[in-house]
Amino acid sequence: MAPELLNKVLVAGERAGRIVEVEAYCGSIDPGSHAFRGPNNRNATMFGPPGLLYVYFTYGMHWCANAVCGDEGVGVAVLVRALAPLDGLDAMRAARGPTARRDRDLCSGPAKLTQALGITGLHDGVDLVAGDGGVTIVDDGTPPPDGPANGVRIGLAVGKGERFPWRWWVAGDPNVSRR
């Protein structure tokens, strides 16, 4: 499912960006996944039905957003790593502050994009398909790339699934996060 999310549009209120980078996290077979050891209060949304937004806090300071993609009870989700900003750029710039000097700095990482779009833990569990929680993923007719770039996930410790090639991105897009 992860590469199929490329070029879809993540919308939060009046702010929106095209998904240009994702990573898959695959439940009990993936030691890098929050779902690896089963459900708990923090990761409960990951075990919900597909189409939910799983939002978690990391490093004590950043939110990250994932689309739940597996069957209910399985704990499979796709981390949205980067967006190409489309709408609401002034609001994104205001949310990101002076650290985002260029438009490509607005959403070029999972914490940057949640900050730019105003996504927080209050959005955990919203339905991305219905969009009734203020955040949705829409298809504007732009298909996923025929041959997305592919590689290992970023920032995982040794023994935590760091070698799985479960990261996909739109090759050449300047908004993809820096390694």
N, C-alpha and C. Protein backbone atom coordinates (compact mmCIF):
# COMPACT_ATOMS: atom_id res chain seq x y z
N MET A 1 0.81 -1.20 0.00
CA MET A 1 0.00 0.00 0.00
C MET A 1 0.86 1.26 0.00
N ALA A 2 2.02 1.24 0.65
CA ALA A 2 2.82 2.45 0.81
C ALA A 2 3.11 3.18 -0.51
N PRO A 3 3.65 2.50 -1.53
CA PRO A 3 3.92 3.25 -2.76
C PRO A 3 2.67 3.77 -3.46
N GLU A 4 1.51 3.16 -3.17
CA GLU A 4 0.26 3.63 -3.76
C GLU A 4 -0.18 4.97 -3.17
N LEU A 5 0.34 5.33 -2.01
CA LEU A 5 0.01 6.63 -1.40
C LEU A 5 0.81 7.78 -2.03
N LEU A 6 1.88 7.45 -2.73
CA LEU A 6 2.66 8.51 -3.37
C LEU A 6 1.80 9.26 -4.38
N ASN A 7 1.89 10.57 -4.35
CA ASN A 7 1.16 11.52 -5.19
C ASN A 7 -0.30 11.73 -4.77
N LYS A 8 -0.76 11.05 -3.71
CA LYS A 8 -2.06 11.41 -3.15
C LYS A 8 -1.86 12.72 -2.39
N VAL A 9 -2.93 13.36 -1.97
CA VAL A 9 -2.85 14.66 -1.31
C VAL A 9 -3.35 14.54 0.12
N LEU A 10 -2.50 14.94 1.07
CA LEU A 10 -2.86 14.99 2.48
C LEU A 10 -3.39 16.40 2.75
N VAL A 11 -4.62 16.46 3.26
CA VAL A 11 -5.29 17.74 3.48
C VAL A 11 -5.61 17.88 4.96
N ALA A 12 -5.26 19.04 5.52
CA ALA A 12 -5.61 19.36 6.91
C ALA A 12 -6.15 20.79 6.91
N GLY A 13 -7.47 20.92 6.98
CA GLY A 13 -8.08 22.25 6.90
C GLY A 13 -7.80 22.86 5.54
N GLU A 14 -7.25 24.09 5.53
CA GLU A 14 -6.94 24.77 4.26
C GLU A 14 -5.54 24.45 3.77
N ARG A 15 -4.80 23.66 4.52
CA ARG A 15 -3.43 23.30 4.13
C ARG A 15 -3.41 21.92 3.48
N ALA A 16 -2.58 21.79 2.45
CA ALA A 16 -2.51 20.51 1.74
C ALA A 16 -1.15 20.33 1.10
N GLY A 17 -0.75 19.06 0.97
CA GLY A 17 0.50 18.75 0.28
C GLY A 17 0.42 17.39 -0.37
N ARG A 18 1.14 17.26 -1.48
CA ARG A 18 1.22 15.99 -2.21
C ARG A 18 2.21 15.08 -1.51
N ILE A 19 1.82 13.84 -1.25
CA ILE A 19 2.69 12.87 -0.57
C ILE A 19 3.80 12.45 -1.53
N VAL A 20 5.06 12.72 -1.14
CA VAL A 20 6.20 12.40 -2.00
C VAL A 20 7.17 11.40 -1.37
N GLU A 21 6.93 11.02 -0.10
CA GLU A 21 7.81 10.05 0.56
C GLU A 21 7.04 9.35 1.67
N VAL A 22 7.19 8.03 1.75
CA VAL A 22 6.49 7.21 2.75
C VAL A 22 7.40 6.08 3.23
N GLU A 23 7.05 5.52 4.38
CA GLU A 23 7.70 4.32 4.91
C GLU A 23 6.64 3.39 5.47
N ALA A 24 6.79 2.09 5.23
CA ALA A 24 5.84 1.10 5.74
C ALA A 24 6.33 0.53 7.07
N TYR A 25 5.38 0.28 7.96
CA TYR A 25 5.64 -0.36 9.25
C TYR A 25 4.65 -1.50 9.41
N CYS A 26 5.19 -2.72 9.55
CA CYS A 26 4.41 -3.94 9.34
C CYS A 26 4.22 -4.80 10.58
N GLY A 27 3.63 -4.24 11.60
CA GLY A 27 3.15 -5.01 12.75
C GLY A 27 4.12 -5.97 13.38
N SER A 28 3.65 -7.18 13.63
CA SER A 28 4.39 -8.17 14.41
C SER A 28 5.62 -8.74 13.70
N ILE A 29 5.78 -8.50 12.40
CA ILE A 29 6.98 -8.99 11.70
C ILE A 29 8.06 -7.91 11.60
N ASP A 30 7.78 -6.74 12.16
CA ASP A 30 8.65 -5.58 11.98
C ASP A 30 9.12 -5.01 13.32
N PRO A 31 10.36 -5.28 13.72
CA PRO A 31 10.84 -4.77 15.01
C PRO A 31 10.95 -3.24 15.07
N GLY A 32 10.84 -2.57 13.94
CA GLY A 32 10.85 -1.11 13.93
C GLY A 32 9.47 -0.49 14.10
N SER A 33 8.45 -1.33 14.13
CA SER A 33 7.07 -0.86 14.21
C SER A 33 6.61 -0.71 15.66
N HIS A 34 5.80 0.30 15.91
CA HIS A 34 5.19 0.45 17.23
C HIS A 34 4.28 -0.73 17.56
N ALA A 35 3.84 -1.45 16.54
CA ALA A 35 2.91 -2.56 16.73
C ALA A 35 3.63 -3.90 16.96
N PHE A 36 4.94 -3.91 16.96
CA PHE A 36 5.71 -5.15 17.03
C PHE A 36 5.35 -6.00 18.25
N ARG A 37 5.17 -5.37 19.38
CA ARG A 37 4.88 -6.11 20.62
C ARG A 37 3.38 -6.17 20.95
N GLY A 38 2.55 -5.77 20.01
CA GLY A 38 1.11 -5.84 20.23
C GLY A 38 0.51 -4.50 20.61
N PRO A 39 -0.82 -4.49 20.75
CA PRO A 39 -1.51 -3.23 21.04
C PRO A 39 -1.29 -2.74 22.46
N ASN A 40 -1.28 -1.42 22.60
CA ASN A 40 -1.25 -0.76 23.91
C ASN A 40 -1.95 0.59 23.76
N ASN A 41 -1.97 1.37 24.82
CA ASN A 41 -2.67 2.66 24.76
C ASN A 41 -2.09 3.58 23.71
N ARG A 42 -0.77 3.58 23.54
CA ARG A 42 -0.12 4.50 22.60
C ARG A 42 -0.42 4.14 21.15
N ASN A 43 -0.40 2.85 20.82
CA ASN A 43 -0.50 2.45 19.42
C ASN A 43 -1.87 1.87 19.03
N ALA A 44 -2.86 2.01 19.86
CA ALA A 44 -4.17 1.37 19.63
C ALA A 44 -4.74 1.70 18.26
N THR A 45 -4.56 2.91 17.79
CA THR A 45 -5.11 3.30 16.48
C THR A 45 -4.51 2.47 15.36
N MET A 46 -3.24 2.09 15.50
CA MET A 46 -2.58 1.28 14.46
C MET A 46 -3.30 -0.05 14.25
N PHE A 47 -3.97 -0.53 15.27
CA PHE A 47 -4.67 -1.81 15.20
C PHE A 47 -6.13 -1.65 14.79
N GLY A 48 -6.53 -0.43 14.48
CA GLY A 48 -7.90 -0.17 14.07
C GLY A 48 -8.12 -0.51 12.61
N PRO A 49 -9.25 -0.12 12.10
CA PRO A 49 -9.54 -0.41 10.70
C PRO A 49 -8.68 0.44 9.77
N PRO A 50 -8.46 -0.02 8.54
CA PRO A 50 -7.70 0.78 7.59
C PRO A 50 -8.40 2.11 7.32
N GLY A 51 -7.59 3.13 7.05
CA GLY A 51 -8.13 4.45 6.75
C GLY A 51 -8.06 5.42 7.91
N LEU A 52 -7.62 4.95 9.07
CA LEU A 52 -7.48 5.85 10.21
C LEU A 52 -6.13 6.54 10.18
N LEU A 53 -6.05 7.68 10.85
CA LEU A 53 -4.80 8.40 11.01
C LEU A 53 -4.21 8.04 12.36
N TYR A 54 -3.01 7.48 12.35
CA TYR A 54 -2.29 7.15 13.59
C TYR A 54 -1.24 8.25 13.80
N VAL A 55 -1.40 9.02 14.87
CA VAL A 55 -0.48 10.11 15.18
C VAL A 55 0.21 9.78 16.50
N TYR A 56 1.52 9.90 16.51
CA TYR A 56 2.27 9.64 17.75
C TYR A 56 3.30 10.73 17.98
N PHE A 57 3.72 10.86 19.22
CA PHE A 57 4.70 11.84 19.65
C PHE A 57 6.04 11.15 19.74
N THR A 58 7.08 11.77 19.21
CA THR A 58 8.41 11.15 19.19
C THR A 58 9.47 12.12 19.70
N TYR A 59 10.49 11.57 20.29
CA TYR A 59 11.62 12.35 20.82
C TYR A 59 11.16 13.44 21.78
N GLY A 60 9.99 13.30 22.36
CA GLY A 60 9.49 14.27 23.32
C GLY A 60 9.17 15.63 22.75
N MET A 61 9.11 15.75 21.41
CA MET A 61 8.87 17.07 20.84
C MET A 61 8.18 17.10 19.49
N HIS A 62 8.04 15.98 18.78
CA HIS A 62 7.51 16.00 17.42
C HIS A 62 6.34 15.03 17.26
N TRP A 63 5.38 15.43 16.43
CA TRP A 63 4.30 14.53 16.03
C TRP A 63 4.65 13.91 14.69
N CYS A 64 4.21 12.68 14.48
CA CYS A 64 4.35 11.99 13.19
C CYS A 64 3.00 11.41 12.82
N ALA A 65 2.70 11.38 11.51
CA ALA A 65 1.39 10.94 11.02
C ALA A 65 1.52 9.72 10.12
N ASN A 66 0.65 8.76 10.34
CA ASN A 66 0.63 7.51 9.59
C ASN A 66 -0.78 7.18 9.13
N ALA A 67 -0.89 6.57 7.98
CA ALA A 67 -2.16 6.04 7.50
C ALA A 67 -2.22 4.56 7.85
N VAL A 68 -3.23 4.15 8.60
CA VAL A 68 -3.41 2.74 8.94
C VAL A 68 -3.86 2.03 7.67
N CYS A 69 -3.15 0.95 7.32
CA CYS A 69 -3.40 0.29 6.03
C CYS A 69 -3.68 -1.20 6.13
N GLY A 70 -3.45 -1.80 7.26
CA GLY A 70 -3.67 -3.24 7.37
C GLY A 70 -5.06 -3.57 7.85
N ASP A 71 -5.36 -4.84 7.86
CA ASP A 71 -6.64 -5.30 8.40
C ASP A 71 -6.73 -4.94 9.87
N GLU A 72 -7.94 -4.77 10.34
CA GLU A 72 -8.15 -4.46 11.74
C GLU A 72 -7.51 -5.54 12.62
N GLY A 73 -6.79 -5.11 13.65
CA GLY A 73 -6.13 -6.02 14.57
C GLY A 73 -4.71 -6.38 14.20
N VAL A 74 -4.23 -5.94 13.03
CA VAL A 74 -2.91 -6.35 12.54
C VAL A 74 -1.81 -5.35 12.91
N GLY A 75 -2.07 -4.07 12.89
CA GLY A 75 -1.07 -3.08 13.26
C GLY A 75 -0.13 -2.70 12.13
N VAL A 76 -0.67 -2.40 10.96
CA VAL A 76 0.14 -2.01 9.81
C VAL A 76 -0.21 -0.57 9.45
N ALA A 77 0.84 0.24 9.26
CA ALA A 77 0.61 1.65 8.92
C ALA A 77 1.73 2.16 8.03
N VAL A 78 1.46 3.28 7.37
CA VAL A 78 2.43 3.92 6.50
C VAL A 78 2.71 5.32 7.05
N LEU A 79 3.97 5.56 7.40
CA LEU A 79 4.40 6.87 7.86
C LEU A 79 4.50 7.81 6.66
N VAL A 80 3.86 8.96 6.75
CA VAL A 80 4.00 9.97 5.71
C VAL A 80 5.26 10.77 6.07
N ARG A 81 6.30 10.65 5.24
CA ARG A 81 7.60 11.26 5.54
C ARG A 81 7.78 12.65 4.94
N ALA A 82 7.16 12.92 3.78
CA ALA A 82 7.36 14.23 3.15
C ALA A 82 6.21 14.56 2.21
N LEU A 83 5.96 15.85 2.10
CA LEU A 83 4.93 16.39 1.21
C LEU A 83 5.52 17.48 0.34
N ALA A 84 4.96 17.64 -0.85
CA ALA A 84 5.21 18.81 -1.68
C ALA A 84 4.06 19.77 -1.38
N PRO A 85 4.32 20.93 -0.75
CA PRO A 85 3.25 21.85 -0.37
C PRO A 85 2.42 22.29 -1.58
N LEU A 86 1.09 22.30 -1.40
CA LEU A 86 0.18 22.70 -2.47
C LEU A 86 -0.67 23.90 -2.09
N ASP A 87 -1.33 23.85 -0.94
CA ASP A 87 -2.27 24.89 -0.53
C ASP A 87 -2.00 25.30 0.92
N GLY A 88 -2.30 26.56 1.22
CA GLY A 88 -2.14 27.05 2.58
C GLY A 88 -0.70 27.31 2.96
N LEU A 89 0.12 27.68 1.98
CA LEU A 89 1.55 27.88 2.25
C LEU A 89 1.82 28.98 3.28
N ASP A 90 1.03 30.03 3.29
CA ASP A 90 1.23 31.08 4.30
C ASP A 90 1.01 30.53 5.70
N ALA A 91 -0.03 29.71 5.87
CA ALA A 91 -0.29 29.09 7.17
C ALA A 91 0.82 28.11 7.53
N MET A 92 1.33 27.38 6.53
CA MET A 92 2.45 26.47 6.78
C MET A 92 3.69 27.23 7.23
N ARG A 93 3.99 28.33 6.54
CA ARG A 93 5.16 29.14 6.90
C ARG A 93 5.02 29.68 8.33
N ALA A 94 3.84 30.13 8.68
CA ALA A 94 3.60 30.65 10.02
C ALA A 94 3.78 29.55 11.06
N ALA A 95 3.31 28.35 10.76
CA ALA A 95 3.43 27.24 11.70
C ALA A 95 4.86 26.76 11.85
N ARG A 96 5.63 26.78 10.77
CA ARG A 96 7.01 26.27 10.79
C ARG A 96 8.00 27.31 11.29
N GLY A 97 7.69 28.59 11.14
CA GLY A 97 8.58 29.63 11.64
C GLY A 97 9.81 29.82 10.77
N PRO A 98 10.82 30.50 11.33
CA PRO A 98 11.99 30.89 10.53
C PRO A 98 12.89 29.73 10.10
N THR A 99 12.69 28.55 10.64
CA THR A 99 13.54 27.42 10.23
C THR A 99 13.23 26.95 8.82
N ALA A 100 12.04 27.27 8.33
CA ALA A 100 11.65 26.90 6.96
C ALA A 100 11.91 28.09 6.05
N ARG A 101 13.12 28.18 5.54
CA ARG A 101 13.51 29.32 4.72
C ARG A 101 12.98 29.24 3.29
N ARG A 102 12.82 28.01 2.79
CA ARG A 102 12.34 27.79 1.43
C ARG A 102 11.08 26.93 1.49
N ASP A 103 10.26 27.00 0.46
CA ASP A 103 9.04 26.19 0.44
C ASP A 103 9.36 24.70 0.59
N ARG A 104 10.46 24.25 0.02
CA ARG A 104 10.80 22.82 0.11
C ARG A 104 11.21 22.42 1.53
N ASP A 105 11.44 23.39 2.42
CA ASP A 105 11.74 23.09 3.82
C ASP A 105 10.48 22.94 4.67
N LEU A 106 9.33 23.26 4.12
CA LEU A 106 8.10 23.24 4.91
C LEU A 106 7.68 21.85 5.35
N CYS A 107 7.78 20.86 4.47
CA CYS A 107 7.22 19.53 4.73
C CYS A 107 8.19 18.41 4.38
N SER A 108 9.50 18.68 4.43
CA SER A 108 10.50 17.70 3.98
C SER A 108 10.98 16.80 5.13
N GLY A 109 10.05 16.29 5.87
CA GLY A 109 10.33 15.36 6.96
C GLY A 109 9.05 15.13 7.73
N PRO A 110 8.94 13.99 8.43
CA PRO A 110 7.67 13.66 9.09
C PRO A 110 7.25 14.64 10.18
N ALA A 111 8.18 15.16 10.95
CA ALA A 111 7.82 16.13 11.99
C ALA A 111 7.54 17.50 11.38
N LYS A 112 8.28 17.85 10.34
CA LYS A 112 8.05 19.14 9.67
C LYS A 112 6.65 19.20 9.08
N LEU A 113 6.22 18.12 8.43
CA LEU A 113 4.92 18.17 7.76
C LEU A 113 3.77 18.22 8.75
N THR A 114 3.89 17.53 9.88
CA THR A 114 2.81 17.62 10.86
C THR A 114 2.75 19.02 11.46
N GLN A 115 3.91 19.62 11.70
CA GLN A 115 3.94 20.99 12.20
C GLN A 115 3.32 21.95 11.17
N ALA A 116 3.73 21.81 9.91
CA ALA A 116 3.23 22.69 8.85
C ALA A 116 1.73 22.57 8.66
N LEU A 117 1.19 21.35 8.79
CA LEU A 117 -0.24 21.14 8.59
C LEU A 117 -1.05 21.29 9.87
N GLY A 118 -0.39 21.44 11.02
CA GLY A 118 -1.10 21.57 12.28
C GLY A 118 -1.67 20.26 12.79
N ILE A 119 -1.05 19.14 12.41
CA ILE A 119 -1.51 17.83 12.86
C ILE A 119 -0.87 17.53 14.21
N THR A 120 -1.70 17.16 15.20
CA THR A 120 -1.22 16.83 16.55
C THR A 120 -1.89 15.54 17.02
N GLY A 121 -1.61 15.19 18.24
CA GLY A 121 -2.22 14.00 18.83
C GLY A 121 -3.73 14.07 18.89
N LEU A 122 -4.30 15.26 18.83
CA LEU A 122 -5.75 15.39 18.81
C LEU A 122 -6.36 14.78 17.55
N HIS A 123 -5.53 14.60 16.51
CA HIS A 123 -6.01 14.01 15.26
C HIS A 123 -5.86 12.48 15.22
N ASP A 124 -5.24 11.90 16.24
CA ASP A 124 -5.08 10.45 16.27
C ASP A 124 -6.44 9.77 16.19
N GLY A 125 -6.59 8.86 15.25
CA GLY A 125 -7.83 8.10 15.10
C GLY A 125 -8.85 8.69 14.15
N VAL A 126 -8.57 9.88 13.57
CA VAL A 126 -9.56 10.42 12.62
C VAL A 126 -9.60 9.55 11.37
N ASP A 127 -10.73 9.58 10.70
CA ASP A 127 -10.95 8.79 9.50
C ASP A 127 -10.43 9.58 8.30
N LEU A 128 -9.34 9.11 7.70
CA LEU A 128 -8.72 9.79 6.56
C LEU A 128 -9.57 9.72 5.29
N VAL A 129 -10.46 8.76 5.24
CA VAL A 129 -11.31 8.61 4.05
C VAL A 129 -12.51 9.55 4.14
N ALA A 130 -13.18 9.55 5.27
CA ALA A 130 -14.35 10.41 5.46
C ALA A 130 -13.94 11.87 5.63
N GLY A 131 -12.77 12.10 6.25
CA GLY A 131 -12.30 13.46 6.46
C GLY A 131 -13.07 14.22 7.53
N ASP A 132 -13.85 13.51 8.34
CA ASP A 132 -14.68 14.20 9.33
C ASP A 132 -13.88 14.70 10.54
N GLY A 133 -12.62 14.35 10.63
CA GLY A 133 -11.79 14.81 11.74
C GLY A 133 -10.85 15.94 11.34
N GLY A 134 -11.06 16.53 10.18
CA GLY A 134 -10.25 17.65 9.75
C GLY A 134 -9.02 17.29 8.95
N VAL A 135 -8.73 16.00 8.81
CA VAL A 135 -7.58 15.55 8.01
C VAL A 135 -8.08 14.44 7.09
N THR A 136 -7.64 14.49 5.84
CA THR A 136 -8.05 13.47 4.87
C THR A 136 -6.94 13.26 3.85
N ILE A 137 -7.00 12.13 3.17
CA ILE A 137 -6.15 11.88 2.02
C ILE A 137 -7.06 11.78 0.81
N VAL A 138 -6.75 12.59 -0.22
CA VAL A 138 -7.59 12.60 -1.41
C VAL A 138 -6.75 12.26 -2.65
N ASP A 139 -7.44 11.80 -3.66
CA ASP A 139 -6.84 11.49 -4.95
C ASP A 139 -7.27 12.58 -5.92
N ASP A 140 -6.31 13.38 -6.39
CA ASP A 140 -6.65 14.45 -7.33
C ASP A 140 -6.42 14.04 -8.78
N GLY A 141 -6.21 12.73 -9.01
CA GLY A 141 -6.02 12.22 -10.36
C GLY A 141 -4.57 12.02 -10.76
N THR A 142 -3.64 12.48 -9.93
CA THR A 142 -2.22 12.27 -10.22
C THR A 142 -1.86 10.85 -9.78
N PRO A 143 -1.45 10.00 -10.70
CA PRO A 143 -1.17 8.61 -10.33
C PRO A 143 0.15 8.49 -9.58
N PRO A 144 0.31 7.41 -8.82
CA PRO A 144 1.61 7.15 -8.21
C PRO A 144 2.65 6.99 -9.32
N PRO A 145 3.91 7.26 -9.03
CA PRO A 145 4.93 7.08 -10.06
C PRO A 145 5.02 5.62 -10.49
N ASP A 146 5.29 5.40 -11.78
CA ASP A 146 5.43 4.03 -12.29
C ASP A 146 6.59 3.30 -11.62
N GLY A 147 7.66 3.99 -11.38
CA GLY A 147 8.84 3.39 -10.76
C GLY A 147 9.35 4.25 -9.62
N PRO A 148 8.67 4.20 -8.46
CA PRO A 148 9.13 5.05 -7.37
C PRO A 148 10.52 4.63 -6.90
N ALA A 149 11.28 5.59 -6.40
CA ALA A 149 12.56 5.25 -5.78
C ALA A 149 12.26 4.45 -4.53
N ASN A 150 13.18 3.58 -4.16
CA ASN A 150 12.95 2.65 -3.05
C ASN A 150 14.25 2.42 -2.31
N GLY A 151 14.16 2.32 -0.99
CA GLY A 151 15.34 2.03 -0.19
C GLY A 151 14.96 1.69 1.23
N VAL A 152 15.97 1.67 2.08
CA VAL A 152 15.75 1.33 3.49
C VAL A 152 15.15 2.52 4.23
N ARG A 153 14.50 2.22 5.33
CA ARG A 153 13.88 3.26 6.15
C ARG A 153 14.96 4.07 6.86
N ILE A 154 14.57 5.26 7.30
CA ILE A 154 15.50 6.21 7.90
C ILE A 154 15.37 6.23 9.41
N GLY A 155 16.50 6.28 10.10
CA GLY A 155 16.52 6.54 11.53
C GLY A 155 16.23 5.37 12.45
N LEU A 156 16.27 4.15 11.94
CA LEU A 156 16.03 3.00 12.80
C LEU A 156 17.35 2.44 13.33
N ALA A 157 17.33 2.01 14.57
CA ALA A 157 18.52 1.43 15.19
C ALA A 157 18.80 0.04 14.62
N VAL A 158 20.02 -0.40 14.78
CA VAL A 158 20.42 -1.74 14.34
C VAL A 158 19.54 -2.77 15.05
N GLY A 159 19.04 -3.70 14.28
CA GLY A 159 18.17 -4.74 14.81
C GLY A 159 16.70 -4.33 14.87
N LYS A 160 16.38 -3.16 14.40
CA LYS A 160 15.00 -2.66 14.44
C LYS A 160 14.40 -2.56 13.04
N GLY A 161 14.82 -3.45 12.15
CA GLY A 161 14.27 -3.45 10.80
C GLY A 161 14.88 -2.41 9.89
N GLU A 162 16.08 -1.95 10.25
CA GLU A 162 16.73 -0.88 9.49
C GLU A 162 17.11 -1.30 8.07
N ARG A 163 17.14 -2.58 7.80
CA ARG A 163 17.54 -3.05 6.47
C ARG A 163 16.36 -3.35 5.54
N PHE A 164 15.16 -3.29 6.07
CA PHE A 164 14.00 -3.54 5.22
C PHE A 164 13.87 -2.41 4.20
N PRO A 165 13.70 -2.73 2.93
CA PRO A 165 13.56 -1.70 1.89
C PRO A 165 12.11 -1.20 1.78
N TRP A 166 11.63 -0.65 2.87
CA TRP A 166 10.23 -0.26 2.96
C TRP A 166 10.04 1.26 2.96
N ARG A 167 10.90 1.96 2.26
CA ARG A 167 10.78 3.41 2.08
C ARG A 167 10.66 3.66 0.58
N TRP A 168 9.67 4.47 0.18
CA TRP A 168 9.47 4.82 -1.22
C TRP A 168 9.34 6.33 -1.33
N TRP A 169 9.80 6.88 -2.44
CA TRP A 169 9.69 8.32 -2.67
C TRP A 169 9.61 8.61 -4.15
N VAL A 170 9.13 9.82 -4.45
CA VAL A 170 9.05 10.28 -5.83
C VAL A 170 10.45 10.76 -6.21
N ALA A 171 11.08 10.02 -7.10
CA ALA A 171 12.46 10.32 -7.49
C ALA A 171 12.57 11.74 -8.02
N GLY A 172 13.59 12.46 -7.54
CA GLY A 172 13.86 13.79 -8.01
C GLY A 172 13.03 14.90 -7.37
N ASP A 173 12.07 14.56 -6.55
CA ASP A 173 11.25 15.60 -5.92
C ASP A 173 12.08 16.32 -4.86
N PRO A 174 12.16 17.66 -4.92
CA PRO A 174 13.00 18.41 -3.98
C PRO A 174 12.47 18.43 -2.54
N ASN A 175 11.24 17.95 -2.32
CA ASN A 175 10.65 17.96 -0.99
C ASN A 175 10.93 16.71 -0.18
N VAL A 176 11.52 15.68 -0.81
CA VAL A 176 11.85 14.45 -0.10
C VAL A 176 12.82 14.79 1.02
N SER A 177 12.64 14.13 2.16
CA SER A 177 13.50 14.42 3.31
C SER A 177 14.96 14.10 3.01
N ARG A 178 15.82 14.81 3.68
CA ARG A 178 17.26 14.58 3.50
C ARG A 178 17.70 13.42 4.37
N ARG A 179 18.53 12.59 3.85
CA ARG A 179 19.02 11.42 4.61
C ARG A 179 20.12 11.85 5.52
